[in-house]
Amino acid sequence: MELTDIGKLTFMEPDFLKFPLLEMGYKVAQAGGTIPAVFNAANEVAVNAFLKDAIKFITIPDIIIKTVEKHKMIEKPAYDDIVEADQWARKTALDIIG
């Protein structure tokens, strides 16, 4: 695809009601610390569960949001803190899925 062949692109404001994880993604990125690792790990677990027909597509945001809300963020994490947060989030997301 050549972007120059497209001509004009038009962008709209994001609809955070339709896409709640988009808003959370912005907040997670701004918060920093261990939260981005938790958000990402929960997303990977939820999407994987959906791909294996273990959950419905519309359940993905709930799993991610619940996982992020349960996490106690470390503001200035060391590498090991990030790895531990990732592992914690994967286990927590799986527990939420059941």
C-alpha atoms as a PDB file:
ATOM      1  CA  MET A   1       0.000   0.000   0.000  1.00  0.00           C
ATOM      2  CA  GLU A   2       1.271   3.429  -0.899  1.00  0.00           C
ATOM      3  CA  LEU A   3       0.123   6.158   1.449  1.00  0.00           C
ATOM      4  CA  THR A   4       0.586   8.768  -1.266  1.00  0.00           C
ATOM      5  CA  ASP A   5      -2.062   6.958  -3.367  1.00  0.00           C
ATOM      6  CA  ILE A   6      -4.679   7.296  -0.625  1.00  0.00           C
ATOM      7  CA  GLY A   7      -4.971  11.033  -0.955  1.00  0.00           C
ATOM      8  CA  LYS A   8      -6.594  12.462   2.155  1.00  0.00           C
ATOM      9  CA  LEU A   9      -6.971  10.844   5.571  1.00  0.00           C
ATOM     10  CA  THR A  10      -9.591  12.015   8.049  1.00  0.00           C
ATOM     11  CA  PHE A  11      -9.395  11.385  11.771  1.00  0.00           C
ATOM     12  CA  MET A  12     -12.112  11.628  14.418  1.00  0.00           C
ATOM     13  CA  GLU A  13     -11.901  11.943  18.179  1.00  0.00           C
ATOM     14  CA  PRO A  14     -11.675   8.504  19.797  1.00  0.00           C
ATOM     15  CA  ASP A  15     -14.931   7.141  21.218  1.00  0.00           C
ATOM     16  CA  PHE A  16     -13.961   6.008  24.702  1.00  0.00           C
ATOM     17  CA  LEU A  17     -17.479   4.681  25.388  1.00  0.00           C
ATOM     18  CA  LYS A  18     -17.214   2.258  22.475  1.00  0.00           C
ATOM     19  CA  PHE A  19     -13.564   1.487  23.152  1.00  0.00           C
ATOM     20  CA  PRO A  20     -12.976   1.624  26.941  1.00  0.00           C
ATOM     21  CA  LEU A  21      -9.560   0.031  26.683  1.00  0.00           C
ATOM     22  CA  LEU A  22      -8.334   2.829  24.450  1.00  0.00           C
ATOM     23  CA  GLU A  23      -8.920   5.349  27.234  1.00  0.00           C
ATOM     24  CA  MET A  24      -7.380   2.988  29.777  1.00  0.00           C
ATOM     25  CA  GLY A  25      -4.394   2.525  27.470  1.00  0.00           C
ATOM     26  CA  TYR A  26      -3.778   6.287  27.483  1.00  0.00           C
ATOM     27  CA  LYS A  27      -4.064   6.399  31.283  1.00  0.00           C
ATOM     28  CA  VAL A  28      -1.789   3.378  31.691  1.00  0.00           C
ATOM     29  CA  ALA A  29       0.853   4.941  29.457  1.00  0.00           C
ATOM     30  CA  GLN A  30       0.729   8.185  31.457  1.00  0.00           C
ATOM     31  CA  ALA A  31       0.834   6.392  34.814  1.00  0.00           C
ATOM     32  CA  GLY A  32       3.942   4.387  33.975  1.00  0.00           C
ATOM     33  CA  GLY A  33       5.451   2.204  36.649  1.00  0.00           C
ATOM     34  CA  THR A  34       4.367  -1.424  36.551  1.00  0.00           C
ATOM     35  CA  ILE A  35       0.874  -0.681  35.221  1.00  0.00           C
ATOM     36  CA  PRO A  36       1.783  -0.922  31.492  1.00  0.00           C
ATOM     37  CA  ALA A  37       3.227  -4.416  32.036  1.00  0.00           C
ATOM     38  CA  VAL A  38       0.067  -5.463  33.873  1.00  0.00           C
ATOM     39  CA  PHE A  39      -2.182  -4.019  31.168  1.00  0.00           C
ATOM     40  CA  ASN A  40      -0.230  -5.783  28.430  1.00  0.00           C
ATOM     41  CA  ALA A  41      -0.055  -9.147  30.223  1.00  0.00           C
ATOM     42  CA  ALA A  42      -3.781  -9.125  31.022  1.00  0.00           C
ATOM     43  CA  ASN A  43      -4.524  -8.246  27.403  1.00  0.00           C
ATOM     44  CA  GLU A  44      -2.402 -11.120  26.105  1.00  0.00           C
ATOM     45  CA  VAL A  45      -4.103 -13.609  28.450  1.00  0.00           C
ATOM     46  CA  ALA A  46      -7.607 -12.355  27.608  1.00  0.00           C
ATOM     47  CA  VAL A  47      -7.031 -12.366  23.846  1.00  0.00           C
ATOM     48  CA  ASN A  48      -5.498 -15.835  24.033  1.00  0.00           C
ATOM     49  CA  ALA A  49      -8.540 -17.080  25.968  1.00  0.00           C
ATOM     50  CA  PHE A  50     -10.816 -15.580  23.321  1.00  0.00           C
ATOM     51  CA  LEU A  51      -8.835 -17.219  20.506  1.00  0.00           C
ATOM     52  CA  LYS A  52      -9.251 -20.563  22.285  1.00  0.00           C
ATOM     53  CA  ASP A  53     -13.020 -19.958  22.588  1.00  0.00           C
ATOM     54  CA  ALA A  54     -12.745 -19.857  26.386  1.00  0.00           C
ATOM     55  CA  ILE A  55     -14.363 -16.398  26.630  1.00  0.00           C
ATOM     56  CA  LYS A  56     -16.468 -14.110  24.465  1.00  0.00           C
ATOM     57  CA  PHE A  57     -14.859 -11.162  22.684  1.00  0.00           C
ATOM     58  CA  ILE A  58     -16.865  -8.658  24.717  1.00  0.00           C
ATOM     59  CA  THR A  59     -15.370 -10.110  27.922  1.00  0.00           C
ATOM     60  CA  ILE A  60     -11.819  -9.032  27.049  1.00  0.00           C
ATOM     61  CA  PRO A  61     -12.114  -5.465  28.411  1.00  0.00           C
ATOM     62  CA  ASP A  62     -13.625  -6.643  31.715  1.00  0.00           C
ATOM     63  CA  ILE A  63     -10.734  -9.013  32.346  1.00  0.00           C
ATOM     64  CA  ILE A  64      -8.135  -6.366  31.605  1.00  0.00           C
ATOM     65  CA  ILE A  65      -9.856  -3.664  33.647  1.00  0.00           C
ATOM     66  CA  LYS A  66     -10.342  -5.948  36.666  1.00  0.00           C
ATOM     67  CA  THR A  67      -6.714  -7.061  36.523  1.00  0.00           C
ATOM     68  CA  VAL A  68      -5.385  -3.506  36.305  1.00  0.00           C
ATOM     69  CA  GLU A  69      -7.668  -2.337  39.127  1.00  0.00           C
ATOM     70  CA  LYS A  70      -6.389  -5.099  41.444  1.00  0.00           C
ATOM     71  CA  HIS A  71      -2.736  -4.243  40.863  1.00  0.00           C
ATOM     72  CA  LYS A  72      -0.716  -2.263  43.392  1.00  0.00           C
ATOM     73  CA  MET A  73       1.543  -0.202  41.181  1.00  0.00           C
ATOM     74  CA  ILE A  74       5.225   0.275  41.800  1.00  0.00           C
ATOM     75  CA  GLU A  75       6.013   3.774  40.518  1.00  0.00           C
ATOM     76  CA  LYS A  76       9.737   3.322  39.895  1.00  0.00           C
ATOM     77  CA  PRO A  77      10.144  -0.380  39.238  1.00  0.00           C
ATOM     78  CA  ALA A  78      13.341  -2.305  38.787  1.00  0.00           C
ATOM     79  CA  TYR A  79      13.470  -4.898  36.023  1.00  0.00           C
ATOM     80  CA  ASP A  80      12.527  -7.681  38.457  1.00  0.00           C
ATOM     81  CA  ASP A  81       9.470  -5.674  39.578  1.00  0.00           C
ATOM     82  CA  ILE A  82       8.243  -5.473  35.994  1.00  0.00           C
ATOM     83  CA  VAL A  83       8.753  -9.202  35.426  1.00  0.00           C
ATOM     84  CA  GLU A  84       6.944  -9.964  38.679  1.00  0.00           C
ATOM     85  CA  ALA A  85       4.069  -7.619  37.753  1.00  0.00           C
ATOM     86  CA  ASP A  86       3.759  -9.340  34.375  1.00  0.00           C
ATOM     87  CA  GLN A  87       3.606 -12.776  35.985  1.00  0.00           C
ATOM     88  CA  TRP A  88       1.156 -11.557  38.631  1.00  0.00           C
ATOM     89  CA  ALA A  89      -1.121 -10.074  35.961  1.00  0.00           C
ATOM     90  CA  ARG A  90      -1.117 -13.268  33.894  1.00  0.00           C
ATOM     91  CA  LYS A  91      -2.115 -15.339  36.923  1.00  0.00           C
ATOM     92  CA  THR A  92      -4.718 -12.793  38.023  1.00  0.00           C
ATOM     93  CA  ALA A  93      -6.267 -12.577  34.556  1.00  0.00           C
ATOM     94  CA  LEU A  94      -6.454 -16.376  34.382  1.00  0.00           C
ATOM     95  CA  ASP A  95      -8.089 -16.450  37.817  1.00  0.00           C
ATOM     96  CA  ILE A  96     -10.661 -13.892  36.644  1.00  0.00           C
ATOM     97  CA  ILE A  97     -11.387 -15.982  33.557  1.00  0.00           C
ATOM     98  CA  GLY A  98     -11.880 -18.976  35.798  1.00  0.00           C
END
